[in-house]
N, C-alpha and C. Protein backbone atom coordinates (compact mmCIF):
# COMPACT_ATOMS: atom_id res chain seq x y z
N MET A 1 -91.99 -27.06 -23.20
CA MET A 1 -90.43 -26.53 -22.94
C MET A 1 -90.82 -25.43 -22.18
N THR A 2 -90.10 -25.13 -21.04
CA THR A 2 -89.60 -23.98 -20.39
C THR A 2 -88.29 -23.26 -20.87
N ARG A 3 -88.28 -21.87 -20.91
CA ARG A 3 -87.06 -20.92 -20.91
C ARG A 3 -86.82 -20.59 -19.82
N SER A 4 -85.47 -20.34 -19.21
CA SER A 4 -85.14 -19.88 -18.11
C SER A 4 -84.74 -18.29 -18.71
N THR A 5 -85.00 -17.27 -18.01
CA THR A 5 -84.65 -16.01 -18.74
C THR A 5 -83.45 -15.62 -17.46
N ALA A 6 -82.71 -14.59 -18.08
CA ALA A 6 -81.54 -14.26 -17.84
C ALA A 6 -81.65 -13.21 -16.53
N THR A 7 -82.63 -13.18 -15.71
CA THR A 7 -83.09 -12.03 -14.92
C THR A 7 -82.24 -12.61 -13.28
N ALA A 8 -81.66 -11.45 -12.99
CA ALA A 8 -80.56 -11.85 -11.42
C ALA A 8 -81.86 -11.66 -10.69
N PRO A 9 -81.43 -12.50 -9.68
CA PRO A 9 -82.39 -12.56 -8.11
C PRO A 9 -82.65 -11.49 -7.51
N VAL A 10 -83.55 -11.08 -6.61
CA VAL A 10 -83.73 -10.14 -6.41
C VAL A 10 -82.81 -10.14 -4.72
N PRO A 11 -81.99 -9.45 -4.39
CA PRO A 11 -81.34 -9.73 -3.02
C PRO A 11 -82.04 -9.54 -1.75
N ASP A 12 -82.04 -10.27 -1.06
CA ASP A 12 -82.72 -10.04 0.40
C ASP A 12 -82.23 -9.19 1.11
N PRO A 13 -82.94 -8.04 1.38
CA PRO A 13 -82.42 -6.81 1.91
C PRO A 13 -81.89 -7.14 3.70
N THR A 14 -82.18 -8.40 4.38
CA THR A 14 -81.33 -8.69 5.24
C THR A 14 -80.32 -9.24 5.25
N LEU A 15 -79.69 -9.47 4.27
CA LEU A 15 -78.44 -10.28 4.07
C LEU A 15 -77.38 -8.98 3.73
N LEU A 16 -78.08 -8.18 2.64
CA LEU A 16 -77.34 -7.02 2.36
C LEU A 16 -76.66 -6.02 3.76
N THR A 17 -77.28 -6.35 4.68
CA THR A 17 -76.56 -5.89 6.18
C THR A 17 -75.30 -6.73 6.58
N LEU A 18 -75.27 -7.62 6.16
CA LEU A 18 -74.01 -8.57 6.41
C LEU A 18 -72.77 -8.15 5.98
N ILE A 19 -72.91 -7.59 4.61
CA ILE A 19 -71.73 -7.28 3.85
C ILE A 19 -70.93 -5.92 4.55
N PRO A 20 -69.42 -6.32 4.40
CA PRO A 20 -69.02 -4.88 5.27
C PRO A 20 -68.98 -4.12 4.41
N ARG A 21 -69.10 -2.63 4.80
CA ARG A 21 -68.98 -1.83 4.33
C ARG A 21 -67.49 -1.24 3.87
N PRO A 22 -67.13 -0.69 3.17
CA PRO A 22 -65.39 -0.33 2.82
C PRO A 22 -65.51 0.88 3.57
N SER A 23 -64.22 0.87 4.05
CA SER A 23 -64.01 2.08 5.31
C SER A 23 -62.31 2.13 5.13
N ARG A 24 -62.48 3.72 5.01
CA ARG A 24 -60.88 3.83 5.19
C ARG A 24 -60.15 3.34 6.40
N ARG A 25 -60.85 3.67 7.30
CA ARG A 25 -60.80 3.91 8.87
C ARG A 25 -60.16 2.14 9.37
N ARG A 26 -60.94 1.40 8.49
CA ARG A 26 -60.85 0.07 9.05
C ARG A 26 -59.92 -0.64 8.23
N ASN A 27 -59.25 0.08 6.83
CA ASN A 27 -58.31 -0.44 6.08
C ASN A 27 -57.03 0.31 6.99
N ALA A 28 -57.04 1.52 7.42
CA ALA A 28 -55.97 2.17 7.73
C ALA A 28 -55.52 1.30 9.28
N VAL A 29 -56.47 0.90 10.09
CA VAL A 29 -56.11 0.30 11.23
C VAL A 29 -55.53 -1.03 11.00
N LEU A 30 -56.03 -1.80 10.11
CA LEU A 30 -55.43 -2.92 9.57
C LEU A 30 -54.03 -3.06 9.17
N ALA A 31 -53.68 -1.85 8.30
CA ALA A 31 -52.51 -1.31 7.91
C ALA A 31 -51.63 -1.32 8.83
N VAL A 32 -52.08 -0.70 9.70
CA VAL A 32 -51.03 0.03 10.94
C VAL A 32 -50.77 -1.64 11.76
N ALA A 33 -51.57 -2.21 12.13
CA ALA A 33 -51.66 -3.32 12.91
C ALA A 33 -50.89 -4.41 12.24
N ALA A 34 -50.55 -4.43 10.84
CA ALA A 34 -49.84 -5.34 10.31
C ALA A 34 -48.45 -4.93 10.27
N VAL A 35 -48.14 -3.65 10.15
CA VAL A 35 -46.86 -3.00 10.23
C VAL A 35 -46.23 -3.40 11.54
N VAL A 36 -47.34 -3.22 12.68
CA VAL A 36 -46.38 -3.05 14.14
C VAL A 36 -46.27 -4.61 14.58
N VAL A 37 -46.99 -5.67 13.84
CA VAL A 37 -46.44 -7.00 13.86
C VAL A 37 -45.53 -7.21 13.15
N LEU A 38 -44.89 -6.86 11.83
CA LEU A 38 -43.87 -6.93 11.24
C LEU A 38 -42.63 -6.49 12.20
N VAL A 39 -43.07 -5.32 12.33
CA VAL A 39 -41.63 -4.78 12.83
C VAL A 39 -41.25 -5.11 14.42
N GLY A 40 -42.51 -5.62 14.98
CA GLY A 40 -42.38 -6.38 16.51
C GLY A 40 -41.17 -7.76 16.29
N LEU A 41 -41.81 -8.43 14.82
CA LEU A 41 -41.19 -9.77 14.72
C LEU A 41 -39.82 -9.51 14.20
N TRP A 42 -39.51 -8.21 13.66
CA TRP A 42 -38.12 -8.11 12.77
C TRP A 42 -37.12 -7.72 14.18
N PHE A 43 -37.60 -6.93 15.30
CA PHE A 43 -36.91 -6.96 16.47
C PHE A 43 -36.69 -7.91 17.54
N SER A 44 -37.33 -9.06 17.54
CA SER A 44 -37.07 -9.97 18.09
C SER A 44 -36.84 -11.36 17.43
N PRO A 45 -35.49 -11.56 17.42
CA PRO A 45 -34.71 -12.51 17.06
C PRO A 45 -34.94 -13.55 17.53
N ASP A 46 -34.98 -13.58 19.19
CA ASP A 46 -35.41 -15.01 19.83
C ASP A 46 -36.92 -15.71 19.18
N LEU A 47 -37.57 -14.73 18.84
CA LEU A 47 -38.80 -15.55 18.41
C LEU A 47 -38.42 -16.30 17.05
N LEU A 48 -37.63 -15.60 16.27
CA LEU A 48 -37.85 -16.08 14.66
C LEU A 48 -36.51 -17.02 14.48
N ARG A 49 -35.27 -16.76 15.13
CA ARG A 49 -34.28 -17.39 15.45
C ARG A 49 -33.64 -17.87 16.59
N PRO A 50 -34.50 -18.84 17.01
CA PRO A 50 -33.62 -19.36 18.52
C PRO A 50 -32.18 -19.93 18.18
N SER A 51 -31.27 -19.81 19.32
CA SER A 51 -30.25 -20.19 19.13
C SER A 51 -29.40 -20.74 20.40
N VAL A 52 -28.36 -21.49 20.45
CA VAL A 52 -27.67 -21.79 21.51
C VAL A 52 -26.40 -21.86 21.12
N ARG A 53 -25.28 -20.78 21.77
CA ARG A 53 -24.18 -20.75 21.89
C ARG A 53 -23.29 -21.18 22.78
N GLY A 54 -22.22 -21.58 22.92
CA GLY A 54 -21.39 -21.70 23.85
C GLY A 54 -20.76 -20.39 24.41
N SER A 55 -21.04 -19.95 25.75
CA SER A 55 -20.48 -18.84 26.20
C SER A 55 -19.14 -18.94 26.33
N ALA A 56 -18.50 -17.53 25.99
CA ALA A 56 -17.13 -17.42 26.03
C ALA A 56 -16.20 -17.63 27.29
N GLY A 57 -17.06 -17.52 28.62
CA GLY A 57 -16.21 -17.76 29.81
C GLY A 57 -16.38 -19.35 30.25
N GLY A 58 -17.45 -19.77 29.99
CA GLY A 58 -17.53 -21.02 30.46
C GLY A 58 -17.51 -22.25 29.80
N GLY A 59 -16.97 -23.45 30.48
CA GLY A 59 -16.72 -24.85 30.24
C GLY A 59 -15.41 -25.20 30.84
N SER A 60 -15.51 -26.65 31.19
CA SER A 60 -14.30 -27.39 31.42
C SER A 60 -14.15 -28.56 30.71
N THR A 61 -12.96 -29.13 30.61
CA THR A 61 -12.91 -30.52 29.92
C THR A 61 -11.81 -31.08 31.06
N GLY A 62 -12.26 -32.76 31.32
CA GLY A 62 -11.52 -33.34 32.00
C GLY A 62 -11.29 -34.72 31.53
N PRO A 63 -10.25 -35.71 31.53
CA PRO A 63 -9.81 -36.79 31.21
C PRO A 63 -10.87 -37.76 32.29
N VAL A 64 -11.74 -38.97 31.57
CA VAL A 64 -12.29 -39.82 32.41
C VAL A 64 -11.69 -41.14 32.09
N SER A 65 -11.13 -41.27 31.07
CA SER A 65 -10.18 -42.80 30.96
C SER A 65 -9.41 -42.30 29.69
N ALA A 66 -8.60 -43.59 29.56
CA ALA A 66 -7.26 -43.39 28.59
C ALA A 66 -7.93 -42.93 26.87
N HIS A 67 -9.23 -43.06 26.54
CA HIS A 67 -9.84 -42.72 25.25
C HIS A 67 -11.15 -41.94 25.74
N GLU A 68 -11.32 -41.24 26.88
CA GLU A 68 -12.38 -40.84 26.79
C GLU A 68 -12.23 -39.39 27.69
N VAL A 69 -12.97 -38.15 27.03
CA VAL A 69 -12.79 -36.91 27.71
C VAL A 69 -14.13 -36.52 27.81
N ARG A 70 -14.49 -35.96 29.19
CA ARG A 70 -15.90 -35.35 29.71
C ARG A 70 -15.45 -33.71 29.72
N SER A 71 -16.31 -33.49 28.77
CA SER A 71 -16.49 -31.38 28.45
C SER A 71 -17.66 -31.14 28.90
N ALA A 72 -17.55 -29.96 29.60
CA ALA A 72 -18.93 -29.45 30.30
C ALA A 72 -18.67 -28.03 29.43
N ILE A 73 -19.91 -27.67 29.05
CA ILE A 73 -19.93 -26.10 28.45
C ILE A 73 -21.05 -25.48 28.71
N ASP A 74 -20.92 -24.10 29.23
CA ASP A 74 -21.75 -23.12 29.62
C ASP A 74 -22.57 -22.71 28.33
N LEU A 75 -23.86 -22.88 28.20
CA LEU A 75 -24.77 -22.61 27.12
C LEU A 75 -25.18 -21.16 27.14
N ASP A 76 -25.30 -20.33 26.17
CA ASP A 76 -25.95 -19.20 26.30
C ASP A 76 -27.19 -19.25 25.35
N PRO A 77 -28.22 -19.73 26.07
CA PRO A 77 -29.69 -19.85 25.11
C PRO A 77 -30.45 -18.57 24.54
N HIS A 78 -30.59 -18.28 23.24
CA HIS A 78 -31.44 -17.51 23.06
C HIS A 78 -32.71 -17.75 22.24
N GLY A 79 -33.80 -17.78 22.92
CA GLY A 79 -35.18 -18.39 22.56
C GLY A 79 -36.27 -17.92 23.32
N TRP A 80 -37.47 -17.58 22.69
CA TRP A 80 -38.47 -17.48 23.42
C TRP A 80 -39.62 -18.53 22.75
N PRO A 81 -40.48 -18.72 23.71
CA PRO A 81 -40.26 -18.85 25.31
C PRO A 81 -39.63 -19.72 25.78
N TRP A 82 -39.31 -21.18 25.11
CA TRP A 82 -38.56 -21.95 25.08
C TRP A 82 -38.04 -22.73 23.82
N PHE A 83 -37.24 -23.69 23.97
CA PHE A 83 -36.77 -24.23 22.62
C PHE A 83 -36.30 -25.70 23.13
N THR A 84 -35.99 -26.73 21.97
CA THR A 84 -35.70 -28.14 22.21
C THR A 84 -34.34 -28.31 21.61
N ILE A 85 -33.29 -28.64 22.08
CA ILE A 85 -32.32 -29.55 21.60
C ILE A 85 -32.40 -30.65 21.23
N GLU A 86 -32.36 -30.82 19.74
CA GLU A 86 -32.99 -32.08 18.97
C GLU A 86 -31.69 -32.74 18.83
N SER A 87 -30.57 -32.20 18.77
CA SER A 87 -29.23 -33.10 18.37
C SER A 87 -28.31 -32.53 18.73
N VAL A 88 -26.92 -33.42 18.84
CA VAL A 88 -25.69 -33.07 19.37
C VAL A 88 -24.84 -33.25 17.88
N ALA A 89 -23.99 -32.66 17.53
CA ALA A 89 -23.24 -33.02 16.23
C ALA A 89 -21.88 -33.08 16.91
N ASP A 90 -21.40 -34.51 16.02
CA ASP A 90 -19.89 -34.83 16.12
C ASP A 90 -18.73 -33.66 15.96
N LEU A 91 -17.49 -33.48 16.42
CA LEU A 91 -16.43 -32.66 16.15
C LEU A 91 -15.62 -33.60 15.64
N PRO A 92 -14.79 -32.92 14.77
CA PRO A 92 -13.61 -33.70 13.83
C PRO A 92 -12.88 -33.92 15.09
N GLY A 93 -12.67 -35.67 14.68
CA GLY A 93 -11.74 -36.03 15.50
C GLY A 93 -12.47 -36.50 17.10
N ALA A 94 -13.59 -36.36 16.96
CA ALA A 94 -14.54 -36.81 18.60
C ALA A 94 -15.42 -37.36 18.30
N THR A 95 -16.30 -37.99 19.16
CA THR A 95 -17.50 -38.75 18.59
C THR A 95 -18.61 -38.34 19.88
N VAL A 96 -19.56 -37.88 19.82
CA VAL A 96 -20.52 -37.61 21.13
C VAL A 96 -21.08 -38.91 21.21
N GLU A 97 -20.96 -39.29 22.60
CA GLU A 97 -21.62 -40.68 23.13
C GLU A 97 -22.61 -40.20 23.84
N ASP A 98 -23.07 -38.92 24.72
CA ASP A 98 -24.11 -38.81 25.47
C ASP A 98 -23.64 -37.39 25.34
N ALA A 99 -25.30 -36.85 25.66
CA ALA A 99 -25.37 -34.99 25.94
C ALA A 99 -26.38 -35.01 26.70
N TRP A 100 -26.52 -34.13 27.60
CA TRP A 100 -27.12 -33.70 28.88
C TRP A 100 -27.42 -32.12 28.76
N VAL A 101 -28.64 -31.76 28.95
CA VAL A 101 -28.77 -30.09 28.92
C VAL A 101 -29.03 -30.17 30.38
N THR A 102 -28.67 -29.32 31.26
CA THR A 102 -29.24 -29.28 32.74
C THR A 102 -29.24 -27.75 33.24
N PRO A 103 -29.92 -27.72 34.11
CA PRO A 103 -30.08 -25.84 34.51
C PRO A 103 -28.36 -25.74 35.31
N ARG A 104 -28.25 -24.24 35.13
CA ARG A 104 -26.92 -23.88 35.74
C ARG A 104 -26.67 -24.05 37.04
N ASP A 105 -27.61 -24.24 38.12
CA ASP A 105 -27.27 -24.38 39.14
C ASP A 105 -27.20 -25.80 39.74
N ALA A 106 -27.44 -26.73 38.74
CA ALA A 106 -27.34 -28.21 38.71
C ALA A 106 -25.87 -28.64 39.45
N GLN A 107 -25.90 -29.71 40.20
CA GLN A 107 -24.60 -30.37 40.31
C GLN A 107 -24.09 -31.38 39.51
N PRO A 108 -23.35 -31.22 38.95
CA PRO A 108 -22.90 -32.53 37.74
C PRO A 108 -22.82 -34.07 38.82
């Protein structure tokens, strides 16, 4: 019968060089980098909260037929670097049949 003894293995000196040493400078650099990233995100709402709002001055509405109205609204997009409009909701008393997003200089 063999018995195992509770002795710790001898560490390999070549592996000890791979263990990072604690450093106040490295910790300070990481803390400053984290603060810079968080402050940058705080001041860039386009990155965190993209939105599309109708601009105050733009838009037109015109009748197409007896029960249809076509509305054109200038959008004021706020997003970086791009974003996608995934849905358009109905308004009270109106149903959206189709919706298009085109560049500002496009002809209807």
